[in-house]
Amino acid sequence: MKYFWTFFWVFLLSHMLTYIVGSIKSASYDFTVGTILAFGISIILFLIAAVMPKDKELNV
């Protein structure tokens, strides 16, 4: 479930970023660019989470 929500928020934020940057540059909005950017950022985030060490002494 964490992968779904991560991708969901990255998808929304990357499309927002694509729209805003496109508006500033007077370019048209492209859905494909935002989606490719969302997949790329999600994969990078998943890899960073997999590589980070886990804390074994977590007393919660």
C-alpha atoms as a PDB file:
ATOM      1  CA  MET A   1       0.000   0.000   0.000  1.00  0.00           C
ATOM      2  CA  LYS A   2       2.910   2.341   0.704  1.00  0.00           C
ATOM      3  CA  TYR A   3       4.042   1.972  -2.908  1.00  0.00           C
ATOM      4  CA  PHE A   4       0.624   2.978  -4.187  1.00  0.00           C
ATOM      5  CA  TRP A   5       0.434   6.112  -2.033  1.00  0.00           C
ATOM      6  CA  THR A   6       4.005   7.061  -2.851  1.00  0.00           C
ATOM      7  CA  PHE A   7       3.298   6.806  -6.564  1.00  0.00           C
ATOM      8  CA  PHE A   8      -0.043   8.591  -6.163  1.00  0.00           C
ATOM      9  CA  TRP A   9       1.514  11.659  -4.521  1.00  0.00           C
ATOM     10  CA  VAL A  10       4.538  11.690  -6.819  1.00  0.00           C
ATOM     11  CA  PHE A  11       2.166  11.461  -9.784  1.00  0.00           C
ATOM     12  CA  LEU A  12       0.119  14.447  -8.606  1.00  0.00           C
ATOM     13  CA  LEU A  13       3.133  16.559  -7.669  1.00  0.00           C
ATOM     14  CA  SER A  14       5.021  15.817 -10.890  1.00  0.00           C
ATOM     15  CA  HIS A  15       2.008  16.797 -12.997  1.00  0.00           C
ATOM     16  CA  MET A  16       1.632  19.980 -10.976  1.00  0.00           C
ATOM     17  CA  LEU A  17       5.322  20.726 -11.524  1.00  0.00           C
ATOM     18  CA  THR A  18       5.034  20.000 -15.250  1.00  0.00           C
ATOM     19  CA  TYR A  19       2.026  22.319 -15.551  1.00  0.00           C
ATOM     20  CA  ILE A  20       3.641  25.182 -13.624  1.00  0.00           C
ATOM     21  CA  VAL A  21       6.991  25.000 -15.405  1.00  0.00           C
ATOM     22  CA  GLY A  22       5.210  24.749 -18.749  1.00  0.00           C
ATOM     23  CA  SER A  23       3.147  27.828 -17.922  1.00  0.00           C
ATOM     24  CA  ILE A  24       6.220  29.798 -16.927  1.00  0.00           C
ATOM     25  CA  LYS A  25       7.980  28.828 -20.157  1.00  0.00           C
ATOM     26  CA  SER A  26       4.812  29.464 -22.224  1.00  0.00           C
ATOM     27  CA  ALA A  27       4.790  25.836 -23.361  1.00  0.00           C
ATOM     28  CA  SER A  28       1.822  23.551 -23.673  1.00  0.00           C
ATOM     29  CA  TYR A  29       0.997  21.008 -20.951  1.00  0.00           C
ATOM     30  CA  ASP A  30       2.047  17.466 -21.824  1.00  0.00           C
ATOM     31  CA  PHE A  31       0.535  14.602 -19.815  1.00  0.00           C
ATOM     32  CA  THR A  32       3.168  12.137 -21.043  1.00  0.00           C
ATOM     33  CA  VAL A  33       6.085  14.144 -19.654  1.00  0.00           C
ATOM     34  CA  GLY A  34       4.474  14.343 -16.221  1.00  0.00           C
ATOM     35  CA  THR A  35       3.778  10.609 -16.177  1.00  0.00           C
ATOM     36  CA  ILE A  36       7.322   9.664 -17.222  1.00  0.00           C
ATOM     37  CA  LEU A  37       8.684  12.040 -14.596  1.00  0.00           C
ATOM     38  CA  ALA A  38       6.425  10.435 -11.965  1.00  0.00           C
ATOM     39  CA  PHE A  39       7.648   6.925 -12.823  1.00  0.00           C
ATOM     40  CA  GLY A  40      11.280   8.031 -12.721  1.00  0.00           C
ATOM     41  CA  ILE A  41      10.989   9.812  -9.380  1.00  0.00           C
ATOM     42  CA  SER A  42       9.028   6.911  -7.869  1.00  0.00           C
ATOM     43  CA  ILE A  43      11.672   4.383  -8.889  1.00  0.00           C
ATOM     44  CA  ILE A  44      14.423   6.580  -7.435  1.00  0.00           C
ATOM     45  CA  LEU A  45      12.497   6.929  -4.162  1.00  0.00           C
ATOM     46  CA  PHE A  46      11.897   3.172  -3.950  1.00  0.00           C
ATOM     47  CA  LEU A  47      15.588   2.480  -4.554  1.00  0.00           C
ATOM     48  CA  ILE A  48      16.659   4.978  -1.902  1.00  0.00           C
ATOM     49  CA  ALA A  49      14.274   3.378   0.606  1.00  0.00           C
ATOM     50  CA  ALA A  50      15.606  -0.101  -0.210  1.00  0.00           C
ATOM     51  CA  VAL A  51      19.257   0.923   0.213  1.00  0.00           C
ATOM     52  CA  MET A  52      18.872   2.841   3.468  1.00  0.00           C
ATOM     53  CA  PRO A  53      19.844   0.870   6.584  1.00  0.00           C
ATOM     54  CA  LYS A  54      17.069  -0.261   8.887  1.00  0.00           C
ATOM     55  CA  ASP A  55      17.208   0.649  12.591  1.00  0.00           C
ATOM     56  CA  LYS A  56      17.065  -2.611  14.538  1.00  0.00           C
ATOM     57  CA  GLU A  57      16.908  -0.934  17.957  1.00  0.00           C
ATOM     58  CA  LEU A  58      13.607   0.818  17.398  1.00  0.00           C
ATOM     59  CA  ASN A  59      11.592   0.554  20.622  1.00  0.00           C
ATOM     60  CA  VAL A  60       8.135   1.751  19.694  1.00  0.00           C
END
